[in-house]
Amino acid sequence: MFYCARGLLIDQSHLFLSLFILIMVNVGIVGVGLVGSELVSQILKSSYKNVFKVVGLTTSQKMVVSDAQYNSLSIDQESNLRSTVNANGIQTDLGQFAEYLAKSNEHSVIVDCTASEQVANLYPTWLRSGLSVVTPNKKAFSSSLDLFKEIQDLAVNTSQTKKGRSPLIYHETTVGAGLPVLSTLTDFVRTGDEIVKIEGIFSGTLSYLFNNFSTLTSTAAPKPFSETVRVAKDLGYTEPDPRDDLNGMDVARKVTICGRLAGLDLDLSTLPVENIVPEALQSIESTDEFMAKLPEYDDHFSKLNAEALKENQVLRYVGLVDVQGGQSGVKLAKYPATHPFASLQGSDNIIKFTTKYFPNGVIIQGAGAGAAVTAYGIFTDLLKIQERVEGF
């Protein structure tokens, strides 16, 4: 004989879990490019496809929303999602989009998959309306310190005073894509551990460049730096203009986010950042011209590399949050062969936390870029929200 009690099936000899009746969550995605489209695909292929209802999608031009019953949109996974929205949607109005989601009796989440500062500035409005926010967009957490603090105060999972189950804010993917960097940092802070420093290779692009350019494991002569950059660009590892990677600002944003979550009032405008783009090439308008002139500076980079290798060290482009020493910043640095950063391969990220409880460090390493791992990280944030509103 079987008995059922809130998801438990019980017989005379077995006790096991059946499916819980999960609370459904409406999801509206702002930006359906590579990451947004991949997120939709991952949701629809998962066992949670009937829990997370994708009820709204936007591009910069058009948007589509579901009906008054908030049924899931009918999505052809074989089609180009951005093209489909642009072909069938109405003019994008993020105010109307958020209002539609906020009117639902079910919990709703806006996922911002853009890199827009204008969109990031809307987060406080969304949170005040009861909407939760999940995003890989770094702008809200690394630009204005006032905006960062306002968002932290409005979300129940980051506020010191706000109570309840919602609204919630999660942005794990702003640092390390799908790697559990920020959740680990948050755990350190909440448990009362004292963070000494956070040091890491935060950029997949710069990881690839210097792992290949500066290595102690290869017997071949190092390739020119410009050649390494060209190969990385051809493989799609860099931004369309590699200077957007080489100037260090992406790493600086990630350092700022980590620093703020660790309790520092870091300001992007005053954070020391080493721009490794040669000064004469920083203002060139054309990417092609920049790439053509970069070989003129190969001797400079070769000299730096030779000095490091002579000392049995390698060059790595790193970010540092120096909580106790006050020397946070972003720079090109040398590391000995025995250091974990020296043996990094491919385009992996690696972040090392040094704390009171872990004086020898806690290291997180893995793929820190790409649509699939970023969408995965967003999906895990959505799962956290679902569990919070479910009340587990």
Protein backbone atom coordinates (compact mmCIF):
# COMPACT_ATOMS: atom_id res chain seq x y z
CA MET A 1 0.00 0.00 0.00
CA PHE A 2 1.22 3.52 -0.86
CA TYR A 3 0.61 6.72 1.04
CA CYS A 4 1.28 10.22 -0.27
CA ALA A 5 2.22 13.23 1.83
CA ARG A 6 3.51 16.39 0.13
CA GLY A 7 5.70 14.73 -2.42
CA LEU A 8 6.59 11.64 -0.36
CA LEU A 9 5.63 8.20 -1.57
CA ILE A 10 5.77 5.61 1.18
CA ASP A 11 5.28 1.86 1.09
CA GLN A 12 5.99 -0.84 3.66
CA SER A 13 9.65 -1.22 2.66
CA HIS A 14 10.69 1.84 0.70
CA LEU A 15 10.84 5.55 1.32
CA PHE A 16 11.69 7.81 -1.56
CA LEU A 17 11.06 11.25 -2.93
CA SER A 18 8.67 11.88 -5.76
CA LEU A 19 8.32 15.15 -7.60
CA PHE A 20 7.59 18.12 -5.44
CA ILE A 21 4.98 20.52 -6.71
CA LEU A 22 7.37 23.35 -7.51
CA ILE A 23 6.35 26.98 -7.58
CA MET A 24 6.59 28.32 -11.12
CA VAL A 25 8.62 31.41 -11.89
CA ASN A 26 8.10 33.78 -14.80
CA VAL A 27 11.27 34.73 -16.68
CA GLY A 28 11.69 37.76 -18.91
CA ILE A 29 14.98 38.03 -20.78
CA VAL A 30 16.37 41.38 -21.88
CA GLY A 31 18.81 40.70 -24.71
CA VAL A 32 18.57 37.49 -26.70
CA GLY A 33 22.00 37.39 -28.30
CA LEU A 34 24.40 34.51 -27.74
CA VAL A 35 23.98 34.28 -23.97
CA GLY A 36 20.25 35.00 -23.85
CA SER A 37 19.49 32.47 -26.58
CA GLU A 38 21.70 29.86 -24.93
CA LEU A 39 19.89 30.41 -21.63
CA VAL A 40 16.51 29.79 -23.26
CA SER A 41 17.89 26.63 -24.85
CA GLN A 42 19.25 25.34 -21.54
CA ILE A 43 15.98 26.02 -19.73
CA LEU A 44 13.87 24.29 -22.39
CA LYS A 45 16.13 21.24 -22.41
CA SER A 46 16.15 20.89 -18.63
CA SER A 47 13.85 19.19 -16.15
CA TYR A 48 12.85 22.70 -15.02
CA LYS A 49 11.29 23.68 -18.34
CA ASN A 50 7.83 23.67 -16.72
CA VAL A 51 9.04 25.57 -13.65
CA PHE A 52 10.73 28.51 -15.36
CA LYS A 53 8.22 29.97 -17.78
CA VAL A 54 9.88 32.15 -20.41
CA VAL A 55 7.14 34.74 -20.86
CA GLY A 56 9.04 37.69 -22.33
CA LEU A 57 11.96 38.34 -24.65
CA THR A 58 13.52 41.56 -25.92
CA THR A 59 16.12 42.74 -28.35
CA SER A 60 17.26 46.34 -28.60
CA GLN A 61 14.52 46.86 -31.20
CA LYS A 62 11.58 44.57 -30.48
CA MET A 63 9.99 42.60 -27.68
CA VAL A 64 7.46 39.81 -27.29
CA VAL A 65 5.45 38.99 -24.19
CA SER A 66 3.02 36.19 -23.45
CA ASP A 67 -0.69 36.39 -22.63
CA ALA A 68 -2.60 37.48 -19.54
CA GLN A 69 -2.30 33.97 -18.12
CA TYR A 70 1.51 34.08 -18.35
CA ASN A 71 1.78 30.90 -20.35
CA SER A 72 5.24 30.04 -21.64
CA LEU A 73 6.04 31.47 -25.05
CA SER A 74 6.08 28.96 -27.88
CA ILE A 75 9.74 28.93 -28.91
CA ASP A 76 11.25 27.10 -31.87
CA GLN A 77 14.66 26.02 -30.60
CA GLU A 78 15.94 25.58 -34.14
CA SER A 79 15.28 29.20 -35.11
CA ASN A 80 17.43 32.27 -34.49
CA LEU A 81 15.77 33.74 -31.43
CA ARG A 82 16.87 37.33 -32.03
CA SER A 83 15.59 37.25 -35.61
CA THR A 84 12.31 35.71 -34.49
CA VAL A 85 11.73 38.40 -31.88
CA ASN A 86 12.62 41.17 -34.33
CA ALA A 87 10.27 39.71 -36.94
CA ASN A 88 7.28 39.15 -34.64
CA GLY A 89 7.64 41.61 -31.78
CA ILE A 90 6.47 45.12 -30.99
CA GLN A 91 8.68 48.12 -30.26
CA THR A 92 10.82 47.50 -27.19
CA ASP A 93 9.64 49.37 -24.11
CA LEU A 94 11.40 48.11 -20.99
CA GLY A 95 8.95 49.99 -18.78
CA GLN A 96 6.01 48.07 -20.26
CA PHE A 97 8.05 44.86 -20.25
CA ALA A 98 8.75 45.14 -16.52
CA GLU A 99 5.19 46.21 -15.76
CA TYR A 100 3.84 43.11 -17.51
CA LEU A 101 6.08 40.84 -15.43
CA ALA A 102 5.33 42.65 -12.16
CA LYS A 103 1.56 42.21 -12.56
CA SER A 104 1.74 38.43 -12.36
CA ASN A 105 0.61 36.67 -9.19
CA GLU A 106 3.60 34.36 -9.63
CA HIS A 107 7.13 35.47 -8.88
CA SER A 108 8.86 37.06 -11.86
CA VAL A 109 12.51 37.54 -12.72
CA ILE A 110 14.13 39.82 -15.26
CA VAL A 111 17.35 38.45 -16.70
CA ASP A 112 19.48 41.23 -18.16
CA CYS A 113 21.81 39.71 -20.75
CA THR A 114 22.98 43.06 -22.09
CA ALA A 115 26.11 45.04 -21.27
CA SER A 116 24.11 48.27 -21.14
CA GLU A 117 24.58 50.84 -18.39
CA GLN A 118 21.13 52.27 -19.21
CA VAL A 119 19.52 48.92 -18.54
CA ALA A 120 21.55 48.46 -15.36
CA ASN A 121 20.25 51.78 -14.06
CA LEU A 122 16.73 50.29 -14.12
CA TYR A 123 17.49 47.62 -11.53
CA PRO A 124 16.32 49.68 -8.52
CA THR A 125 12.99 50.36 -10.23
CA TRP A 126 12.56 46.68 -11.02
CA LEU A 127 13.44 45.60 -7.49
CA ARG A 128 11.03 48.13 -5.97
CA SER A 129 8.24 46.66 -8.11
CA GLY A 130 8.92 43.22 -6.64
CA LEU A 131 10.85 41.81 -9.57
CA SER A 132 13.99 39.81 -8.95
CA VAL A 133 17.01 40.40 -11.18
CA VAL A 134 19.65 38.02 -12.53
CA THR A 135 22.41 39.32 -14.77
CA PRO A 136 25.92 38.93 -16.19
CA ASN A 137 25.97 42.71 -16.77
CA LYS A 138 28.86 44.16 -14.74
CA LYS A 139 27.82 47.80 -15.06
CA ALA A 140 25.45 48.03 -12.07
CA PHE A 141 28.01 46.55 -9.70
CA SER A 142 31.20 48.23 -10.90
CA SER A 143 30.19 51.74 -11.98
CA SER A 144 28.43 54.09 -9.56
CA LEU A 145 29.03 53.10 -5.95
CA ASP A 146 25.71 54.73 -5.02
CA LEU A 147 23.87 52.52 -7.53
CA PHE A 148 25.63 49.43 -6.19
CA LYS A 149 24.64 50.24 -2.61
CA GLU A 150 21.06 51.07 -3.58
CA ILE A 151 20.69 47.70 -5.29
CA GLN A 152 22.22 45.89 -2.31
CA ASP A 153 19.76 47.61 0.04
CA LEU A 154 16.71 46.77 -2.08
CA ALA A 155 17.29 43.03 -2.52
CA VAL A 156 16.46 40.80 0.44
CA ASN A 157 19.42 38.48 -0.14
CA THR A 158 21.95 41.33 0.05
CA SER A 159 20.26 43.85 2.36
CA GLN A 160 21.27 44.18 6.00
CA THR A 161 17.72 45.11 7.04
CA LYS A 162 15.21 43.98 4.42
CA LYS A 163 13.31 40.77 5.23
CA GLY A 164 11.18 38.35 3.24
CA ARG A 165 11.63 36.05 0.27
CA SER A 166 11.84 38.62 -2.51
CA PRO A 167 12.93 40.59 -4.46
CA LEU A 168 16.32 39.02 -5.03
CA ILE A 169 19.44 39.97 -6.96
CA TYR A 170 22.01 37.50 -8.27
CA HIS A 171 24.96 38.32 -10.51
CA GLU A 172 27.30 35.36 -10.12
CA THR A 173 28.21 35.56 -13.81
CA THR A 174 29.63 39.09 -13.61
CA VAL A 175 32.89 37.49 -12.43
CA GLY A 176 34.07 34.15 -13.78
CA ALA A 177 30.95 33.35 -15.83
CA GLY A 178 29.74 30.00 -14.46
CA LEU A 179 32.47 29.64 -11.83
CA PRO A 180 31.31 29.98 -8.19
CA VAL A 181 33.49 33.00 -7.48
CA LEU A 182 30.99 35.46 -6.01
CA SER A 183 29.01 32.83 -4.11
CA THR A 184 32.24 31.67 -2.47
CA LEU A 185 33.17 35.26 -1.64
CA THR A 186 29.70 35.86 -0.18
CA ASP A 187 30.02 32.75 1.98
CA PHE A 188 33.32 34.02 3.39
CA VAL A 189 31.76 37.37 4.26
CA ARG A 190 28.56 35.98 5.78
CA THR A 191 30.33 33.46 7.97
CA GLY A 192 32.53 36.16 9.45
CA ASP A 193 35.76 35.02 7.83
CA GLU A 194 38.29 37.81 7.32
CA ILE A 195 39.36 38.23 3.72
CA VAL A 196 43.01 39.17 3.36
CA LYS A 197 43.17 39.37 -0.42
CA ILE A 198 41.64 38.12 -3.64
CA GLU A 199 44.07 37.63 -6.50
CA GLY A 200 43.38 36.19 -9.89
CA ILE A 201 43.51 35.96 -13.63
CA PHE A 202 40.02 37.24 -14.33
CA SER A 203 40.14 37.50 -18.14
CA GLY A 204 39.93 34.47 -20.40
CA THR A 205 41.43 36.54 -23.21
CA LEU A 206 44.44 37.73 -21.24
CA SER A 207 44.82 34.27 -19.74
CA TYR A 208 45.12 32.78 -23.22
CA LEU A 209 47.52 35.48 -24.41
CA PHE A 210 50.04 35.19 -21.59
CA ASN A 211 49.69 31.42 -21.09
CA ASN A 212 50.88 31.10 -24.68
CA PHE A 213 53.29 34.03 -24.83
CA SER A 214 55.06 33.52 -21.51
CA THR A 215 55.65 29.87 -20.64
CA LEU A 216 58.39 27.80 -19.04
CA THR A 217 57.14 24.49 -20.44
CA SER A 218 57.83 25.09 -24.13
CA THR A 219 61.27 24.49 -25.65
CA ALA A 220 60.44 26.57 -28.71
CA ALA A 221 61.32 30.25 -28.90
CA PRO A 222 58.44 32.48 -27.74
CA LYS A 223 56.29 33.86 -30.54
CA PRO A 224 56.07 37.64 -30.92
CA PHE A 225 53.36 39.18 -28.76
CA SER A 226 51.60 40.64 -31.81
CA GLU A 227 51.43 37.15 -33.32
CA THR A 228 49.87 35.78 -30.15
CA VAL A 229 47.28 38.56 -30.20
CA ARG A 230 46.52 37.93 -33.88
CA VAL A 231 45.98 34.20 -33.31
CA ALA A 232 43.73 34.90 -30.31
CA LYS A 233 41.70 37.37 -32.37
CA ASP A 234 41.34 34.90 -35.25
CA LEU A 235 40.16 32.22 -32.80
CA GLY A 236 37.53 34.58 -31.37
CA TYR A 237 39.12 34.85 -27.92
CA THR A 238 39.40 38.64 -28.04
CA GLU A 239 36.91 41.43 -28.48
CA PRO A 240 36.57 42.65 -32.10
CA ASP A 241 39.07 45.32 -31.06
CA PRO A 242 41.67 43.55 -28.85
CA ARG A 243 42.44 46.84 -27.13
CA ASP A 244 39.17 46.39 -25.24
CA ASP A 245 40.86 43.41 -23.56
CA LEU A 246 44.40 44.76 -23.37
CA ASN A 247 43.38 48.00 -21.65
CA GLY A 248 42.47 46.04 -18.52
CA MET A 249 39.09 47.66 -17.92
CA ASP A 250 37.14 44.39 -18.01
CA VAL A 251 39.43 42.99 -15.32
CA ALA A 252 39.13 46.25 -13.39
CA ARG A 253 35.34 45.93 -13.30
CA LYS A 254 35.61 42.40 -11.92
CA VAL A 255 38.11 43.51 -9.29
CA THR A 256 35.79 46.36 -8.33
CA ILE A 257 32.86 43.96 -7.93
CA CYS A 258 34.86 41.56 -5.77
CA GLY A 259 36.25 44.40 -3.70
CA ARG A 260 32.85 45.89 -3.02
CA LEU A 261 31.39 42.54 -2.00
CA ALA A 262 34.38 42.11 0.31
CA GLY A 263 33.49 45.39 2.01
CA LEU A 264 35.70 47.90 0.19
CA ASP A 265 34.32 51.05 -1.43
CA LEU A 266 36.38 50.58 -4.58
CA ASP A 267 35.87 53.12 -7.35
CA LEU A 268 36.56 52.14 -10.94
CA SER A 269 37.73 55.66 -11.76
CA THR A 270 40.52 55.61 -9.17
CA LEU A 271 41.53 51.94 -9.25
CA PRO A 272 45.12 51.58 -10.55
CA VAL A 273 44.91 49.78 -13.91
CA GLU A 274 47.88 48.97 -16.15
CA ASN A 275 46.88 49.46 -19.78
CA ILE A 276 49.26 47.28 -21.78
CA VAL A 277 48.24 48.80 -25.10
CA PRO A 278 51.27 50.86 -26.20
CA GLU A 279 50.44 54.52 -25.60
CA ALA A 280 50.92 55.50 -29.25
CA LEU A 281 48.33 52.88 -30.29
CA GLN A 282 45.65 53.71 -27.75
CA SER A 283 44.04 56.51 -29.76
CA ILE A 284 44.20 54.90 -33.22
CA GLU A 285 40.64 54.68 -34.53
CA SER A 286 40.98 51.65 -36.79
CA THR A 287 41.35 48.16 -35.36
CA ASP A 288 43.11 47.08 -38.55
CA GLU A 289 45.66 49.87 -38.16
CA PHE A 290 46.22 48.90 -34.53
CA MET A 291 46.86 45.29 -35.50
CA ALA A 292 49.20 46.40 -38.29
CA LYS A 293 51.29 48.58 -35.96
CA LEU A 294 51.37 46.28 -32.94
CA PRO A 295 54.44 44.33 -34.23
CA GLU A 296 56.46 47.53 -33.81
CA TYR A 297 56.24 46.93 -30.06
CA ASP A 298 57.13 43.24 -30.02
CA ASP A 299 60.61 44.03 -28.71
CA HIS A 300 59.09 45.70 -25.65
CA PHE A 301 57.01 42.65 -24.73
CA SER A 302 59.81 40.25 -25.62
CA LYS A 303 62.14 42.07 -23.24
CA LEU A 304 59.62 41.84 -20.40
CA ASN A 305 59.13 38.15 -21.07
CA ALA A 306 62.85 37.41 -21.31
CA GLU A 307 63.47 39.10 -17.96
CA ALA A 308 60.77 36.99 -16.34
CA LEU A 309 61.90 33.71 -17.89
CA LYS A 310 65.49 34.38 -16.85
CA GLU A 311 64.24 34.49 -13.24
CA ASN A 312 62.28 31.24 -13.77
CA GLN A 313 59.08 33.27 -13.75
CA VAL A 314 56.26 34.00 -16.18
CA LEU A 315 54.14 37.04 -17.01
CA ARG A 316 50.48 37.03 -16.02
CA TYR A 317 47.88 39.80 -16.20
CA VAL A 318 46.18 39.84 -12.81
CA GLY A 319 43.67 41.64 -10.67
CA LEU A 320 44.15 42.12 -6.94
CA VAL A 321 41.73 42.99 -4.16
CA ASP A 322 43.99 43.86 -1.25
CA VAL A 323 41.53 44.12 1.62
CA GLN A 324 44.05 44.64 4.39
CA GLY A 325 46.96 46.24 2.54
CA GLY A 326 45.03 48.76 0.46
CA GLN A 327 46.93 48.00 -2.75
CA SER A 328 44.07 46.81 -4.98
CA GLY A 329 44.62 47.13 -8.71
CA VAL A 330 45.18 45.51 -12.09
CA LYS A 331 48.61 44.90 -13.57
CA LEU A 332 51.02 42.71 -15.52
CA ALA A 333 53.02 40.76 -12.93
CA LYS A 334 55.64 38.02 -12.67
CA TYR A 335 55.00 34.67 -10.98
CA PRO A 336 57.44 31.86 -10.19
CA ALA A 337 57.13 28.48 -11.88
CA THR A 338 55.79 26.94 -8.67
CA HIS A 339 52.83 29.34 -8.45
CA PRO A 340 49.38 28.04 -9.56
CA PHE A 341 49.03 31.00 -11.93
CA ALA A 342 52.19 29.95 -13.79
CA SER A 343 50.83 26.53 -14.76
CA LEU A 344 47.47 27.77 -16.02
CA GLN A 345 46.45 26.41 -19.43
CA GLY A 346 44.29 27.65 -22.28
CA SER A 347 41.92 30.49 -21.46
CA ASP A 348 40.95 29.42 -17.94
CA ASN A 349 40.29 31.86 -15.14
CA ILE A 350 41.87 31.28 -11.75
CA ILE A 351 41.02 33.14 -8.56
CA LYS A 352 42.71 32.66 -5.20
CA PHE A 353 41.10 33.76 -1.93
CA THR A 354 43.34 34.22 1.08
CA THR A 355 41.40 34.50 4.35
CA LYS A 356 41.80 34.11 8.10
CA TYR A 357 40.33 30.61 8.02
CA PHE A 358 42.19 29.67 4.82
CA PRO A 359 45.64 31.30 5.10
CA ASN A 360 47.06 29.03 2.38
CA GLY A 361 44.29 30.05 0.02
CA VAL A 362 41.21 28.68 -1.70
CA ILE A 363 41.54 28.42 -5.48
CA ILE A 364 38.72 28.40 -8.03
CA GLN A 365 39.73 27.57 -11.58
CA GLY A 366 37.95 26.83 -14.83
CA ALA A 367 36.39 28.26 -17.95
CA GLY A 368 35.46 31.85 -17.22
CA ALA A 369 33.99 32.94 -20.54
CA GLY A 370 31.68 31.74 -23.29
CA ALA A 371 27.93 31.70 -23.90
CA ALA A 372 27.36 28.16 -22.60
CA VAL A 373 29.08 28.58 -19.22
CA THR A 374 27.64 32.07 -18.75
CA ALA A 375 24.11 30.81 -19.44
CA TYR A 376 24.79 27.94 -17.05
CA GLY A 377 25.74 30.43 -14.34
CA ILE A 378 22.58 32.46 -14.96
CA PHE A 379 20.52 29.27 -14.79
CA THR A 380 22.01 28.37 -11.40
CA ASP A 381 21.09 31.85 -10.14
CA LEU A 382 17.53 31.28 -11.33
CA LEU A 383 17.46 28.01 -9.41
CA LYS A 384 18.53 29.86 -6.26
CA ILE A 385 15.65 32.28 -6.70
CA GLN A 386 13.16 29.48 -7.27
CA GLU A 387 14.28 27.78 -4.08
CA ARG A 388 14.02 31.03 -2.10
CA VAL A 389 10.49 31.83 -3.22
CA GLU A 390 9.50 28.18 -2.79
CA GLY A 391 10.52 28.49 0.83
CA PHE A 392 12.85 25.51 1.05
